[in-house]
């Protein structure tokens, strides 16, 4: 059904917790489905049928039904799951166009395995691209966590920030190497500590922050976790 989209939840106004837009007043719109299966995923209810009843978590809604549910904020974050799984659907383009026409700033969070098409590049004001390192665990079947090479074309046309979850200084070094391999501008590279509690995040933060300064890239804490732990709706 091309006229409906896999809606999971929407929430806000809240604060964007991480990356280049950290601290900004935002609303979030989350879609179901993902082409990866990270072990520490903070939204497994969008894709993990082994642990969640996806028929309850995901609702197939029209554009009008989704618009009616999304709270107002100057910045709307499109997230998942992996939202680019929907990029070829006319309803998805229609939804983004609705917000673009209304003057809402649109950001999209993606795992970087899929390259956005022309419609996405035209409609999205900023991409937050989060490729997964080895500590995300083994992925199912033929899932490939590698950053798609086509992003070089994208971040030449619209802001695209690399935002990578790291556990150690070695992960930070790997992130810089990944950025250089893909020709990613270092001023658009961010690392942040992995964790779903303030205790874990704060324990990792000094090492991650120090390594980021040594590698000449940006670092972000996870403000939403510090404020609200990993509770849904923030």
N, C-alpha and C. Protein backbone atom coordinates (compact mmCIF):
# COMPACT_ATOMS: atom_id res chain seq x y z
N UNK A 1 0.85 -1.19 0.00
CA UNK A 1 0.00 0.00 0.00
C UNK A 1 0.88 1.24 0.00
N UNK A 2 0.93 1.93 -1.12
CA UNK A 2 1.84 3.06 -1.26
C UNK A 2 1.34 4.33 -0.60
N UNK A 3 0.07 4.34 -0.16
CA UNK A 3 -0.49 5.57 0.41
C UNK A 3 -0.40 5.60 1.92
N UNK A 4 0.21 4.60 2.54
CA UNK A 4 0.37 4.58 4.00
C UNK A 4 1.84 4.38 4.34
N UNK A 5 2.19 4.78 5.58
CA UNK A 5 3.57 4.71 6.05
C UNK A 5 3.63 4.00 7.39
N UNK A 6 4.76 3.31 7.70
CA UNK A 6 4.89 2.53 8.94
C UNK A 6 5.20 3.42 10.15
N UNK A 7 4.18 4.04 10.69
CA UNK A 7 4.31 4.97 11.81
C UNK A 7 4.50 4.20 13.12
N UNK A 8 5.45 4.66 13.94
CA UNK A 8 5.67 4.07 15.26
C UNK A 8 5.25 5.03 16.37
N UNK A 9 5.79 6.24 16.35
CA UNK A 9 5.48 7.19 17.41
C UNK A 9 5.94 8.58 17.01
N UNK A 10 5.40 9.55 17.71
CA UNK A 10 5.86 10.92 17.60
C UNK A 10 5.86 11.53 18.99
N UNK A 11 6.77 12.44 19.24
CA UNK A 11 6.82 13.06 20.56
C UNK A 11 7.50 14.42 20.47
N UNK A 12 7.24 15.24 21.47
CA UNK A 12 7.77 16.57 21.55
C UNK A 12 6.67 17.55 21.93
N UNK A 13 7.04 18.83 22.02
CA UNK A 13 8.39 19.34 21.89
C UNK A 13 9.33 18.78 22.97
N UNK A 14 10.55 18.52 22.53
CA UNK A 14 11.60 18.05 23.42
C UNK A 14 12.91 18.64 22.92
N UNK A 15 14.03 18.14 23.38
CA UNK A 15 15.32 18.63 22.93
C UNK A 15 16.03 17.56 22.12
N UNK A 16 16.62 17.97 21.01
CA UNK A 16 17.53 17.06 20.31
C UNK A 16 18.72 16.82 21.24
N UNK A 17 19.01 15.55 21.49
CA UNK A 17 19.97 15.24 22.54
C UNK A 17 21.41 15.11 22.12
N UNK A 18 21.70 15.05 20.81
CA UNK A 18 23.05 14.69 20.40
C UNK A 18 23.38 15.26 19.04
N UNK A 19 24.66 15.32 18.77
CA UNK A 19 25.13 15.72 17.45
C UNK A 19 25.11 17.22 17.21
N UNK A 20 25.09 17.59 15.94
CA UNK A 20 25.26 18.99 15.54
C UNK A 20 24.12 19.88 16.01
N UNK A 21 22.93 19.32 16.24
CA UNK A 21 21.77 20.11 16.66
C UNK A 21 21.45 19.91 18.14
N UNK A 22 22.37 19.40 18.92
CA UNK A 22 22.12 19.11 20.33
C UNK A 22 21.62 20.34 21.07
N UNK A 23 20.56 20.13 21.86
CA UNK A 23 19.99 21.19 22.66
C UNK A 23 18.89 21.96 22.00
N UNK A 24 18.64 21.73 20.71
CA UNK A 24 17.62 22.49 20.00
C UNK A 24 16.22 21.93 20.27
N UNK A 25 15.25 22.83 20.38
CA UNK A 25 13.85 22.45 20.56
C UNK A 25 13.37 21.72 19.31
N UNK A 26 12.80 20.53 19.50
CA UNK A 26 12.48 19.67 18.37
C UNK A 26 11.24 18.83 18.66
N UNK A 27 10.66 18.32 17.59
CA UNK A 27 9.72 17.20 17.68
C UNK A 27 10.32 16.04 16.89
N UNK A 28 9.92 14.82 17.25
CA UNK A 28 10.43 13.62 16.59
C UNK A 28 9.29 12.84 15.95
N UNK A 29 9.58 12.28 14.79
CA UNK A 29 8.64 11.41 14.09
C UNK A 29 9.39 10.14 13.73
N UNK A 30 8.95 9.01 14.32
CA UNK A 30 9.68 7.75 14.18
C UNK A 30 8.91 6.76 13.31
N UNK A 31 9.64 6.15 12.37
CA UNK A 31 9.07 5.14 11.49
C UNK A 31 9.64 3.76 11.81
N UNK A 32 8.89 2.73 11.46
CA UNK A 32 9.29 1.36 11.71
C UNK A 32 10.07 0.75 10.56
N UNK A 33 10.79 -0.32 10.89
CA UNK A 33 11.58 -1.04 9.91
C UNK A 33 13.03 -0.60 9.92
N UNK A 34 13.94 -1.57 9.86
CA UNK A 34 15.37 -1.25 9.79
C UNK A 34 16.08 -2.36 9.02
N UNK A 35 17.14 -1.98 8.33
CA UNK A 35 17.94 -2.96 7.59
C UNK A 35 19.19 -3.39 8.35
N UNK A 36 19.27 -3.00 9.65
CA UNK A 36 20.32 -3.48 10.54
C UNK A 36 19.67 -4.02 11.81
N UNK A 37 20.47 -4.61 12.69
CA UNK A 37 19.95 -5.18 13.94
C UNK A 37 20.99 -5.02 15.04
N UNK A 38 21.27 -3.76 15.38
CA UNK A 38 22.32 -3.45 16.36
C UNK A 38 21.96 -3.99 17.74
N UNK A 39 22.94 -4.55 18.42
CA UNK A 39 22.70 -5.18 19.72
C UNK A 39 22.27 -4.17 20.78
N UNK A 40 22.77 -2.92 20.68
CA UNK A 40 22.45 -1.91 21.70
C UNK A 40 21.44 -0.88 21.19
N UNK A 41 20.71 -1.20 20.15
CA UNK A 41 19.73 -0.27 19.57
C UNK A 41 18.82 0.30 20.65
N UNK A 42 18.61 1.63 20.60
CA UNK A 42 17.75 2.26 21.61
C UNK A 42 16.29 2.32 21.18
N UNK A 43 15.98 1.78 20.01
CA UNK A 43 14.58 1.70 19.58
C UNK A 43 14.30 0.36 18.89
N UNK A 44 14.60 -0.75 19.55
CA UNK A 44 14.40 -2.06 18.92
C UNK A 44 12.94 -2.39 18.63
N UNK A 45 12.04 -1.69 19.30
CA UNK A 45 10.61 -1.91 19.06
C UNK A 45 10.18 -1.48 17.66
N UNK A 46 11.09 -0.87 16.90
CA UNK A 46 10.77 -0.49 15.52
C UNK A 46 11.06 -1.61 14.52
N UNK A 47 11.78 -2.66 14.95
CA UNK A 47 12.18 -3.68 13.98
C UNK A 47 12.33 -5.10 14.54
N UNK A 48 12.47 -5.28 15.84
CA UNK A 48 12.83 -6.59 16.41
C UNK A 48 11.58 -7.41 16.75
N UNK A 49 11.20 -8.26 15.82
CA UNK A 49 9.99 -9.07 16.01
C UNK A 49 10.20 -10.19 17.02
N UNK A 50 11.43 -10.49 17.38
CA UNK A 50 11.68 -11.51 18.38
C UNK A 50 11.32 -11.03 19.78
N UNK A 51 11.43 -9.74 20.02
CA UNK A 51 11.17 -9.19 21.36
C UNK A 51 9.90 -8.35 21.44
N UNK A 52 9.40 -7.90 20.29
CA UNK A 52 8.26 -6.99 20.29
C UNK A 52 7.21 -7.45 19.29
N UNK A 53 5.97 -7.12 19.59
CA UNK A 53 4.87 -7.38 18.68
C UNK A 53 4.79 -6.20 17.72
N UNK A 54 5.38 -6.34 16.55
CA UNK A 54 5.46 -5.22 15.62
C UNK A 54 4.09 -4.83 15.08
N UNK A 55 3.13 -5.72 15.14
CA UNK A 55 1.78 -5.36 14.70
C UNK A 55 1.15 -4.36 15.65
N UNK A 56 1.61 -4.36 16.90
CA UNK A 56 1.14 -3.37 17.87
C UNK A 56 1.99 -2.11 17.85
N UNK A 57 3.27 -2.27 17.59
CA UNK A 57 4.19 -1.13 17.62
C UNK A 57 4.09 -0.25 16.38
N UNK A 58 3.79 -0.87 15.23
CA UNK A 58 3.79 -0.15 13.96
C UNK A 58 2.38 -0.06 13.42
N UNK A 59 1.94 1.15 13.10
CA UNK A 59 0.62 1.39 12.52
C UNK A 59 0.79 1.94 11.11
N UNK A 60 0.02 1.42 10.17
CA UNK A 60 0.07 1.92 8.80
C UNK A 60 -0.90 3.10 8.69
N UNK A 61 -0.34 4.31 8.59
CA UNK A 61 -1.14 5.53 8.61
C UNK A 61 -0.94 6.33 7.33
N UNK A 62 -1.96 7.10 6.98
CA UNK A 62 -1.86 8.01 5.85
C UNK A 62 -1.09 9.26 6.26
N UNK A 63 -0.73 10.05 5.27
CA UNK A 63 -0.04 11.31 5.56
C UNK A 63 -0.88 12.20 6.46
N UNK A 64 -2.17 12.29 6.17
CA UNK A 64 -3.06 13.15 6.96
C UNK A 64 -3.14 12.67 8.41
N UNK A 65 -3.18 11.37 8.61
CA UNK A 65 -3.24 10.83 9.96
C UNK A 65 -1.95 11.11 10.73
N UNK A 66 -0.83 11.03 10.05
CA UNK A 66 0.44 11.32 10.71
C UNK A 66 0.55 12.79 11.06
N UNK A 67 0.23 13.66 10.12
CA UNK A 67 0.31 15.10 10.35
C UNK A 67 -0.52 15.51 11.55
N UNK A 68 -1.69 14.88 11.71
CA UNK A 68 -2.58 15.23 12.82
C UNK A 68 -1.99 14.86 14.18
N UNK A 69 -1.01 13.97 14.20
CA UNK A 69 -0.44 13.50 15.47
C UNK A 69 0.86 14.19 15.86
N UNK A 70 1.53 14.82 14.91
CA UNK A 70 2.87 15.35 15.18
C UNK A 70 2.77 16.69 15.90
N UNK A 71 3.39 16.81 17.09
CA UNK A 71 3.36 18.08 17.83
C UNK A 71 4.19 19.15 17.13
N UNK A 72 3.76 20.39 17.30
CA UNK A 72 4.43 21.50 16.62
C UNK A 72 5.77 21.81 17.27
N UNK A 73 6.77 22.09 16.44
CA UNK A 73 8.08 22.56 16.88
C UNK A 73 8.78 23.09 15.64
N UNK A 74 9.73 24.01 15.80
CA UNK A 74 10.39 24.58 14.62
C UNK A 74 11.29 23.59 13.88
N UNK A 75 11.68 22.51 14.55
CA UNK A 75 12.55 21.49 13.97
C UNK A 75 11.90 20.12 14.13
N UNK A 76 11.78 19.39 13.04
CA UNK A 76 11.22 18.04 13.07
C UNK A 76 12.30 17.04 12.68
N UNK A 77 12.54 16.07 13.57
CA UNK A 77 13.54 15.03 13.34
C UNK A 77 12.83 13.78 12.82
N UNK A 78 13.18 13.36 11.62
CA UNK A 78 12.64 12.13 11.03
C UNK A 78 13.62 11.01 11.39
N UNK A 79 13.12 9.98 12.07
CA UNK A 79 14.02 8.94 12.57
C UNK A 79 13.36 7.57 12.45
N UNK A 80 14.02 6.54 12.99
CA UNK A 80 13.50 5.19 12.89
C UNK A 80 13.99 4.35 14.05
N UNK A 81 14.18 3.05 13.79
CA UNK A 81 14.31 2.39 12.50
C UNK A 81 15.22 3.13 11.51
N UNK A 82 15.00 2.79 10.25
CA UNK A 82 15.75 3.43 9.17
C UNK A 82 14.75 4.11 8.24
N UNK A 83 14.59 5.44 8.36
CA UNK A 83 13.56 6.13 7.59
C UNK A 83 13.78 6.10 6.08
N UNK A 84 15.03 5.96 5.62
CA UNK A 84 15.26 5.96 4.17
C UNK A 84 14.72 4.71 3.48
N UNK A 85 14.28 3.72 4.24
CA UNK A 85 13.59 2.59 3.63
C UNK A 85 12.30 3.04 2.94
N UNK A 86 11.81 4.23 3.31
CA UNK A 86 10.56 4.75 2.76
C UNK A 86 10.75 5.77 1.66
N UNK A 87 11.97 6.05 1.26
CA UNK A 87 12.21 7.21 0.42
C UNK A 87 11.60 7.12 -0.98
N UNK A 88 11.28 5.94 -1.46
CA UNK A 88 10.69 5.81 -2.78
C UNK A 88 9.15 5.82 -2.76
N UNK A 89 8.58 5.93 -1.56
CA UNK A 89 7.13 5.93 -1.44
C UNK A 89 6.58 7.34 -1.66
N UNK A 90 5.61 7.50 -2.56
CA UNK A 90 5.02 8.83 -2.79
C UNK A 90 4.49 9.46 -1.51
N UNK A 91 3.93 8.66 -0.61
CA UNK A 91 3.39 9.21 0.64
C UNK A 91 4.48 9.83 1.50
N UNK A 92 5.66 9.24 1.49
CA UNK A 92 6.77 9.77 2.29
C UNK A 92 7.21 11.12 1.74
N UNK A 93 7.32 11.21 0.42
CA UNK A 93 7.68 12.48 -0.21
C UNK A 93 6.61 13.52 0.08
N UNK A 94 5.35 13.11 -0.01
CA UNK A 94 4.24 14.03 0.28
C UNK A 94 4.31 14.56 1.71
N UNK A 95 4.62 13.67 2.65
CA UNK A 95 4.70 14.07 4.06
C UNK A 95 5.81 15.10 4.26
N UNK A 96 6.99 14.82 3.74
CA UNK A 96 8.10 15.75 3.91
C UNK A 96 7.81 17.08 3.20
N UNK A 97 7.19 17.01 2.04
CA UNK A 97 6.84 18.24 1.31
C UNK A 97 5.87 19.09 2.10
N UNK A 98 4.93 18.45 2.80
CA UNK A 98 3.98 19.18 3.64
C UNK A 98 4.72 20.04 4.66
N UNK A 99 5.69 19.44 5.35
CA UNK A 99 6.42 20.19 6.37
C UNK A 99 7.35 21.22 5.76
N UNK A 100 7.94 20.90 4.62
CA UNK A 100 8.80 21.86 3.93
C UNK A 100 8.00 23.10 3.55
N UNK A 101 6.80 22.89 3.01
CA UNK A 101 5.95 24.02 2.61
C UNK A 101 5.49 24.84 3.81
N UNK A 102 5.41 24.20 4.98
CA UNK A 102 4.97 24.90 6.20
C UNK A 102 6.12 25.63 6.88
N UNK A 103 7.32 25.54 6.32
CA UNK A 103 8.46 26.25 6.89
C UNK A 103 9.13 25.54 8.05
N UNK A 104 8.84 24.25 8.23
CA UNK A 104 9.47 23.47 9.30
C UNK A 104 10.84 23.01 8.84
N UNK A 105 11.84 23.14 9.69
CA UNK A 105 13.17 22.61 9.38
C UNK A 105 13.16 21.10 9.57
N UNK A 106 13.66 20.38 8.58
CA UNK A 106 13.62 18.92 8.59
C UNK A 106 15.02 18.34 8.71
N UNK A 107 15.23 17.52 9.74
CA UNK A 107 16.45 16.73 9.88
C UNK A 107 16.09 15.26 9.78
N UNK A 108 17.01 14.46 9.29
CA UNK A 108 16.77 13.01 9.22
C UNK A 108 17.94 12.27 9.83
N UNK A 109 17.62 11.28 10.68
CA UNK A 109 18.62 10.39 11.26
C UNK A 109 18.63 9.07 10.50
N UNK A 110 19.79 8.65 10.04
CA UNK A 110 19.91 7.46 9.21
C UNK A 110 21.18 6.70 9.55
N UNK A 111 21.19 5.40 9.29
CA UNK A 111 22.39 4.61 9.61
C UNK A 111 23.46 4.66 8.52
N UNK A 112 23.18 5.34 7.41
CA UNK A 112 24.19 5.55 6.40
C UNK A 112 24.38 4.43 5.40
N UNK A 113 23.61 3.36 5.52
CA UNK A 113 23.75 2.23 4.59
C UNK A 113 23.02 2.47 3.28
N UNK A 114 22.10 3.43 3.27
CA UNK A 114 21.33 3.78 2.09
C UNK A 114 21.63 5.22 1.71
N UNK A 115 21.73 5.49 0.43
CA UNK A 115 21.99 6.84 -0.05
C UNK A 115 20.67 7.52 -0.37
N UNK A 116 20.43 8.72 0.14
CA UNK A 116 19.17 9.40 -0.15
C UNK A 116 19.05 9.77 -1.63
N UNK A 117 17.83 9.66 -2.14
CA UNK A 117 17.59 10.02 -3.54
C UNK A 117 17.40 11.53 -3.69
N UNK A 118 17.10 11.96 -4.88
CA UNK A 118 17.01 13.40 -5.15
C UNK A 118 15.92 14.08 -4.33
N UNK A 119 14.79 13.39 -4.15
CA UNK A 119 13.72 13.98 -3.35
C UNK A 119 14.17 14.21 -1.91
N UNK A 120 14.89 13.25 -1.35
CA UNK A 120 15.34 13.40 0.04
C UNK A 120 16.36 14.53 0.16
N UNK A 121 17.29 14.61 -0.77
CA UNK A 121 18.29 15.68 -0.74
C UNK A 121 17.63 17.05 -0.87
N UNK A 122 16.58 17.10 -1.68
CA UNK A 122 15.86 18.36 -1.88
C UNK A 122 15.06 18.78 -0.65
N UNK A 123 14.51 17.83 0.07
CA UNK A 123 13.57 18.14 1.14
C UNK A 123 14.20 18.20 2.53
N UNK A 124 15.26 17.45 2.75
CA UNK A 124 15.86 17.39 4.09
C UNK A 124 16.91 18.48 4.24
N UNK A 125 16.81 19.24 5.32
CA UNK A 125 17.74 20.34 5.57
C UNK A 125 19.07 19.87 6.15
N UNK A 126 19.04 18.74 6.86
CA UNK A 126 20.28 18.22 7.45
C UNK A 126 20.14 16.73 7.72
N UNK A 127 21.12 15.97 7.30
CA UNK A 127 21.17 14.54 7.60
C UNK A 127 22.13 14.30 8.76
N UNK A 128 21.73 13.40 9.65
CA UNK A 128 22.59 12.93 10.73
C UNK A 128 22.85 11.46 10.45
N UNK A 129 24.07 11.14 10.04
CA UNK A 129 24.41 9.83 9.49
C UNK A 129 25.21 9.05 10.52
N UNK A 130 24.66 7.92 10.96
CA UNK A 130 25.26 7.17 12.08
C UNK A 130 25.63 5.75 11.68
N UNK A 131 26.74 5.57 10.96
CA UNK A 131 27.20 4.21 10.66
C UNK A 131 27.61 3.50 11.93
N UNK A 132 27.48 2.18 11.93
CA UNK A 132 27.73 1.40 13.14
C UNK A 132 29.11 0.74 13.09
N UNK A 133 29.79 0.80 14.23
CA UNK A 133 31.09 0.14 14.36
C UNK A 133 30.88 -1.31 14.81
N UNK A 134 31.98 -2.03 14.98
CA UNK A 134 31.90 -3.46 15.29
C UNK A 134 31.19 -3.74 16.61
N UNK A 135 31.25 -2.80 17.57
CA UNK A 135 30.64 -3.07 18.87
C UNK A 135 29.11 -3.09 18.82
N UNK A 136 28.53 -2.77 17.66
CA UNK A 136 27.07 -2.90 17.50
C UNK A 136 26.65 -4.36 17.36
N UNK A 137 27.63 -5.25 17.28
CA UNK A 137 27.33 -6.69 17.24
C UNK A 137 27.17 -7.22 15.83
N UNK A 138 26.91 -8.52 15.76
CA UNK A 138 26.67 -9.17 14.47
C UNK A 138 25.26 -8.86 14.00
N UNK A 139 25.13 -8.54 12.72
CA UNK A 139 23.82 -8.23 12.16
C UNK A 139 23.23 -9.48 11.50
N UNK A 140 21.93 -9.46 11.32
CA UNK A 140 21.24 -10.64 10.83
C UNK A 140 21.47 -10.86 9.33
N UNK A 141 21.52 -12.11 8.95
CA UNK A 141 21.54 -12.53 7.56
C UNK A 141 22.57 -11.76 6.75
N UNK A 142 22.11 -11.06 5.71
CA UNK A 142 23.03 -10.37 4.80
C UNK A 142 23.11 -8.87 5.09
N UNK A 143 22.71 -8.45 6.27
CA UNK A 143 22.75 -7.03 6.60
C UNK A 143 24.19 -6.50 6.57
N UNK A 144 24.39 -5.37 5.93
CA UNK A 144 25.72 -4.79 5.77
C UNK A 144 25.75 -3.43 6.45
N UNK A 145 26.58 -3.26 7.48
CA UNK A 145 26.63 -2.02 8.24
C UNK A 145 27.52 -0.96 7.61
N UNK A 146 28.16 -1.25 6.50
CA UNK A 146 29.12 -0.33 5.90
C UNK A 146 28.46 0.97 5.44
N UNK A 147 29.18 2.07 5.60
CA UNK A 147 28.72 3.37 5.12
C UNK A 147 28.71 3.35 3.59
N UNK A 148 27.58 3.69 3.00
CA UNK A 148 27.45 3.68 1.55
C UNK A 148 28.33 4.76 0.93
N UNK A 149 29.07 4.45 -0.12
CA UNK A 149 29.99 5.43 -0.70
C UNK A 149 29.30 6.62 -1.34
N UNK A 150 28.03 6.51 -1.70
CA UNK A 150 27.32 7.60 -2.36
C UNK A 150 27.11 8.84 -1.51
N UNK A 151 27.42 8.77 -0.22
CA UNK A 151 27.25 9.93 0.64
C UNK A 151 28.18 11.08 0.27
N UNK A 152 29.26 10.80 -0.43
CA UNK A 152 30.15 11.87 -0.87
C UNK A 152 29.39 12.87 -1.73
N UNK A 153 28.52 12.36 -2.61
CA UNK A 153 27.70 13.24 -3.44
C UNK A 153 26.72 14.03 -2.61
N UNK A 154 26.16 13.41 -1.57
CA UNK A 154 25.11 14.06 -0.78
C UNK A 154 25.66 15.22 0.02
N UNK A 155 26.76 14.99 0.76
CA UNK A 155 27.20 16.06 1.64
C UNK A 155 27.90 17.19 0.89
N UNK A 156 28.00 17.07 -0.44
CA UNK A 156 28.40 18.20 -1.25
C UNK A 156 27.21 19.09 -1.61
N UNK A 157 25.97 18.57 -1.40
CA UNK A 157 24.77 19.29 -1.79
C UNK A 157 23.96 19.83 -0.62
N UNK A 158 23.97 19.12 0.50
CA UNK A 158 23.19 19.54 1.67
C UNK A 158 23.95 19.09 2.92
N UNK A 159 23.79 19.80 4.05
CA UNK A 159 24.54 19.41 5.25
C UNK A 159 24.28 17.97 5.67
N UNK A 160 25.33 17.22 5.83
CA UNK A 160 25.25 15.83 6.28
C UNK A 160 26.35 15.62 7.31
N UNK A 161 25.96 15.37 8.54
CA UNK A 161 26.92 15.23 9.62
C UNK A 161 27.08 13.75 9.98
N UNK A 162 28.30 13.29 10.04
CA UNK A 162 28.60 11.94 10.50
C UNK A 162 28.52 11.94 12.02
N UNK A 163 27.74 11.02 12.59
CA UNK A 163 27.55 10.97 14.05
C UNK A 163 27.66 9.52 14.49
N UNK A 164 28.76 9.19 15.16
CA UNK A 164 29.09 7.79 15.42
C UNK A 164 29.14 7.52 16.92
N UNK A 165 28.46 6.46 17.33
CA UNK A 165 28.46 6.01 18.72
C UNK A 165 29.77 5.27 19.00
N UNK A 166 30.47 5.69 20.05
CA UNK A 166 31.78 5.12 20.36
C UNK A 166 31.83 4.64 21.81
N UNK A 167 32.57 3.58 22.03
CA UNK A 167 32.80 3.07 23.38
C UNK A 167 34.20 3.40 23.88
N UNK A 168 35.17 3.53 22.97
CA UNK A 168 36.57 3.71 23.36
C UNK A 168 37.25 4.72 22.44
N UNK A 169 38.47 5.11 22.84
CA UNK A 169 39.27 6.00 22.00
C UNK A 169 39.59 5.35 20.65
N UNK A 170 39.74 4.04 20.64
CA UNK A 170 39.99 3.34 19.38
C UNK A 170 38.83 3.53 18.41
N UNK A 171 37.61 3.54 18.94
CA UNK A 171 36.44 3.78 18.09
C UNK A 171 36.48 5.18 17.49
N UNK A 172 36.93 6.14 18.27
CA UNK A 172 37.04 7.52 17.78
C UNK A 172 38.06 7.59 16.64
N UNK A 173 39.17 6.92 16.81
CA UNK A 173 40.18 6.91 15.74
C UNK A 173 39.61 6.24 14.48
N UNK A 174 38.86 5.17 14.67
CA UNK A 174 38.24 4.48 13.52
C UNK A 174 37.25 5.40 12.82
N UNK A 175 36.55 6.22 13.60
CA UNK A 175 35.59 7.15 13.01
C UNK A 175 36.29 8.16 12.11
N UNK A 176 37.40 8.72 12.58
CA UNK A 176 38.15 9.65 11.73
C UNK A 176 38.64 8.96 10.46
N UNK A 177 39.14 7.75 10.60
CA UNK A 177 39.62 7.02 9.43
C UNK A 177 38.49 6.80 8.43
N UNK A 178 37.29 6.48 8.94
CA UNK A 178 36.13 6.29 8.08
C UNK A 178 35.80 7.59 7.35
N UNK A 179 35.83 8.69 8.09
CA UNK A 179 35.52 9.98 7.49
C UNK A 179 36.51 10.32 6.37
N UNK A 180 37.78 10.10 6.63
CA UNK A 180 38.79 10.41 5.62
C UNK A 180 38.64 9.51 4.40
N UNK A 181 38.31 8.26 4.61
CA UNK A 181 38.12 7.32 3.50
C UNK A 181 37.00 7.78 2.58
N UNK A 182 35.95 8.37 3.17
CA UNK A 182 34.78 8.77 2.39
C UNK A 182 34.79 10.25 2.03
N UNK A 183 35.90 10.93 2.30
CA UNK A 183 35.99 12.33 1.95
C UNK A 183 35.05 13.22 2.73
N UNK A 184 34.77 12.83 3.98
CA UNK A 184 33.82 13.58 4.81
C UNK A 184 34.54 14.75 5.49
N UNK A 185 34.00 15.97 5.38
CA UNK A 185 34.64 17.11 6.07
C UNK A 185 34.73 16.87 7.57
N UNK A 186 35.90 17.06 8.15
CA UNK A 186 36.07 16.74 9.57
C UNK A 186 35.26 17.66 10.48
N UNK A 187 34.89 18.85 10.01
CA UNK A 187 34.08 19.72 10.85
C UNK A 187 32.62 19.29 10.89
N UNK A 188 32.30 18.24 10.11
CA UNK A 188 30.97 17.64 10.15
C UNK A 188 31.01 16.21 10.68
N UNK A 189 32.01 15.92 11.49
CA UNK A 189 32.14 14.59 12.09
C UNK A 189 31.97 14.72 13.60
N UNK A 190 31.08 13.89 14.15
CA UNK A 190 30.77 13.90 15.58
C UNK A 190 30.88 12.49 16.14
N UNK A 191 31.40 12.40 17.36
CA UNK A 191 31.37 11.14 18.10
C UNK A 191 30.63 11.38 19.41
N UNK A 192 30.09 10.31 19.96
CA UNK A 192 29.37 10.40 21.23
C UNK A 192 29.48 9.07 21.95
N UNK A 193 29.40 9.08 23.28
CA UNK A 193 29.54 7.83 24.04
C UNK A 193 28.31 6.94 23.90
N UNK A 194 28.53 5.64 23.89
CA UNK A 194 27.43 4.67 23.90
C UNK A 194 26.96 4.48 25.33
N UNK A 195 25.65 4.38 25.50
CA UNK A 195 25.11 4.12 26.83
C UNK A 195 23.68 4.60 26.95
N UNK A 196 22.94 3.97 27.85
CA UNK A 196 21.53 4.34 28.07
C UNK A 196 21.29 4.85 29.48
N UNK A 197 22.37 5.03 30.25
CA UNK A 197 22.25 5.62 31.58
C UNK A 197 23.30 6.71 31.72
N UNK A 198 23.04 7.68 32.61
CA UNK A 198 24.00 8.76 32.81
C UNK A 198 25.31 8.22 33.39
N UNK A 199 25.23 7.15 34.20
CA UNK A 199 26.44 6.59 34.80
C UNK A 199 27.38 6.04 33.73
N UNK A 200 26.83 5.29 32.79
CA UNK A 200 27.66 4.73 31.73
C UNK A 200 28.19 5.84 30.82
N UNK A 201 27.31 6.76 30.44
CA UNK A 201 27.73 7.84 29.55
C UNK A 201 28.83 8.69 30.18
N UNK A 202 28.65 9.07 31.43
CA UNK A 202 29.63 9.92 32.09
C UNK A 202 30.96 9.21 32.31
N UNK A 203 30.90 7.89 32.50
CA UNK A 203 32.14 7.13 32.66
C UNK A 203 32.93 7.10 31.35
N UNK A 204 32.24 7.06 30.21
CA UNK A 204 32.91 6.98 28.92
C UNK A 204 33.26 8.36 28.35
N UNK A 205 32.55 9.38 28.79
CA UNK A 205 32.68 10.70 28.17
C UNK A 205 34.11 11.26 28.19
N UNK A 206 34.87 11.20 29.29
CA UNK A 206 36.21 11.78 29.25
C UNK A 206 37.11 11.16 28.19
N UNK A 207 37.06 9.84 28.06
CA UNK A 207 37.91 9.18 27.06
C UNK A 207 37.48 9.57 25.65
N UNK A 208 36.17 9.60 25.40
CA UNK A 208 35.67 9.95 24.07
C UNK A 208 35.99 11.41 23.74
N UNK A 209 35.76 12.31 24.70
CA UNK A 209 36.02 13.73 24.46
C UNK A 209 37.50 14.00 24.21
N UNK A 210 38.36 13.36 25.00
CA UNK A 210 39.81 13.54 24.83
C UNK A 210 40.25 13.03 23.47
N UNK A 211 39.77 11.86 23.09
CA UNK A 211 40.15 11.29 21.80
C UNK A 211 39.66 12.15 20.64
N UNK A 212 38.47 12.73 20.79
CA UNK A 212 37.93 13.59 19.73
C UNK A 212 38.81 14.81 19.51
N UNK A 213 39.26 15.42 20.60
CA UNK A 213 40.13 16.59 20.46
C UNK A 213 41.46 16.20 19.81
N UNK A 214 41.96 15.03 20.16
CA UNK A 214 43.22 14.56 19.58
C UNK A 214 43.07 14.28 18.08
N UNK A 215 41.88 13.81 17.67
CA UNK A 215 41.64 13.48 16.27
C UNK A 215 41.13 14.67 15.46
N UNK A 216 40.86 15.79 16.12
CA UNK A 216 40.41 16.98 15.41
C UNK A 216 39.00 16.90 14.90
N UNK A 217 38.12 16.22 15.65
CA UNK A 217 36.72 16.12 15.27
C UNK A 217 35.84 16.56 16.45
N UNK A 218 34.54 16.63 16.22
CA UNK A 218 33.60 17.10 17.23
C UNK A 218 33.13 15.96 18.13
N UNK A 219 32.70 16.32 19.33
CA UNK A 219 32.13 15.33 20.25
C UNK A 219 30.85 15.89 20.86
N UNK A 220 29.91 15.00 21.10
CA UNK A 220 28.63 15.38 21.69
C UNK A 220 28.29 14.39 22.79
N UNK A 221 27.81 14.91 23.91
CA UNK A 221 27.23 14.04 24.93
C UNK A 221 25.83 13.63 24.45
N UNK A 222 25.08 12.93 25.26
CA UNK A 222 23.70 12.54 24.91
C UNK A 222 22.78 13.17 25.95
N UNK A 223 22.34 14.38 25.65
CA UNK A 223 21.63 15.21 26.63
C UNK A 223 20.30 14.60 27.05
N UNK A 224 19.62 13.95 26.13
CA UNK A 224 18.31 13.37 26.46
C UNK A 224 18.44 12.24 27.47
N UNK A 225 19.53 11.48 27.39
CA UNK A 225 19.74 10.40 28.36
C UNK A 225 20.08 10.99 29.73
N UNK A 226 20.88 12.03 29.75
CA UNK A 226 21.21 12.68 31.01
C UNK A 226 19.95 13.21 31.70
N UNK A 227 19.01 13.73 30.90
CA UNK A 227 17.81 14.32 31.46
C UNK A 227 16.73 13.28 31.80
N UNK A 228 16.55 12.30 30.90
CA UNK A 228 15.38 11.42 31.00
C UNK A 228 15.73 9.93 30.91
N UNK A 229 16.98 9.55 31.06
CA UNK A 229 17.47 8.18 30.84
C UNK A 229 17.06 7.74 29.44
N UNK A 230 16.65 6.49 29.26
CA UNK A 230 16.28 6.03 27.92
C UNK A 230 14.78 5.88 27.79
N UNK A 231 14.01 6.65 28.55
CA UNK A 231 12.55 6.55 28.51
C UNK A 231 12.03 6.95 27.14
N UNK A 232 11.06 6.22 26.64
CA UNK A 232 10.42 6.57 25.39
C UNK A 232 9.69 7.91 25.51
N UNK A 233 9.62 8.64 24.42
CA UNK A 233 8.93 9.91 24.44
C UNK A 233 9.81 11.10 24.70
N UNK A 234 11.15 10.87 24.70
CA UNK A 234 12.11 11.97 24.86
C UNK A 234 13.23 11.82 23.84
